[in-house]
C-alpha cells in the first residue's frame, strides 16, 4: 500500500503541493488526472523520492524517507515524463539500467523478454538514439519492467510510477502497454500513473485522483470522479460523462458544439 499523508512540496518559496492525503492499493491501477500545472508530475516525483517533500509517504508501511536508495530501487521503478540520453547506448544497455537498479542484476535473460512485452523484439542491438519517440518510450517502459519484474517480491508488492507512459504511442501500442500494466496489477503489483487522456483514464483506472492547483480535489472510481461535478470545474470546460450499458464503461465528451457561433456556450 502506498500511503500519502499531509504531503507538501515547495520549490523555493513557491508551494506546489498542498497537504495531499491519498492511498494507492496494490493490485490496482491508480490514475492521476488534472489540467496542466495542477501538480501531477510533482506528485509522482515526490512518490518516487526524486524531490524533497514534507509530510509522510509510506511504502507498504515503511517510511519512504528512511529507505535507502537501493531499497527504493528494489521496490519501485519510475518512468519520468521525458528522459534524454546523451550517449550512444544500445537498446539492451538502456533496458539493462533497470536490472542494475533493481534486484535482478544478473538476469540478462529478462532483457529480450521485456522488449518482447513492449512490442520491440529484435531491437536489443539497435542504437537508442536511432529509434522513434514512440519506440524510445517503449524501451524506457521495458527498463521499468525489468527493474520490478516480479509484481510481488518477498511478500511485498512492487510498484510502477509512470508519468504519461503512452503519450507518444499510437492506439494499438497504447492498448498493448495498458495490458502489460493490467497484468502487472492483476498479479499483485501496484501502478500509479499520470494520464492526460480522460477517456483512457476512465477505461484503465481502478481509481482516479483528480488534481487542481496542487490539491487533490476528488478521488474514487472512474464513474464517481469522471461523472462528478468537479471535473468540469477543474478543466474550466463543459464536460459530459456518459455511461455505456453493462459491462459498464465511462467516457467523456466535451461540449464542442458550443464553440460554434450559432451555439453559444451556456453560462
Foldseek 3Di string as FASTA:
>chain_A
DKWFFQKWDADPPRTQAGGEGDDFFFLFEEEEEFDPSLCPLVVLCVQLVNGDIDGFIDAVNHTPVPDDQLRSLAAEFEAHPDDDDPDFDFLLVLLLVLLVSYDNNPPSVLSQVLCVLLPRHPRRGPTLVPDDPQSNLSSNVSSRCVSHVQCADPNGGHEYEYEASCVPDDPVSVVSVLVVVSVSRNNGHTYYYYDHALQVCQARGQKYFYGARNYGPDMGHSCDVVCDPVVCVRVVFAKHWDWDPPVITIGIDTPVVCVDPVRPDDD
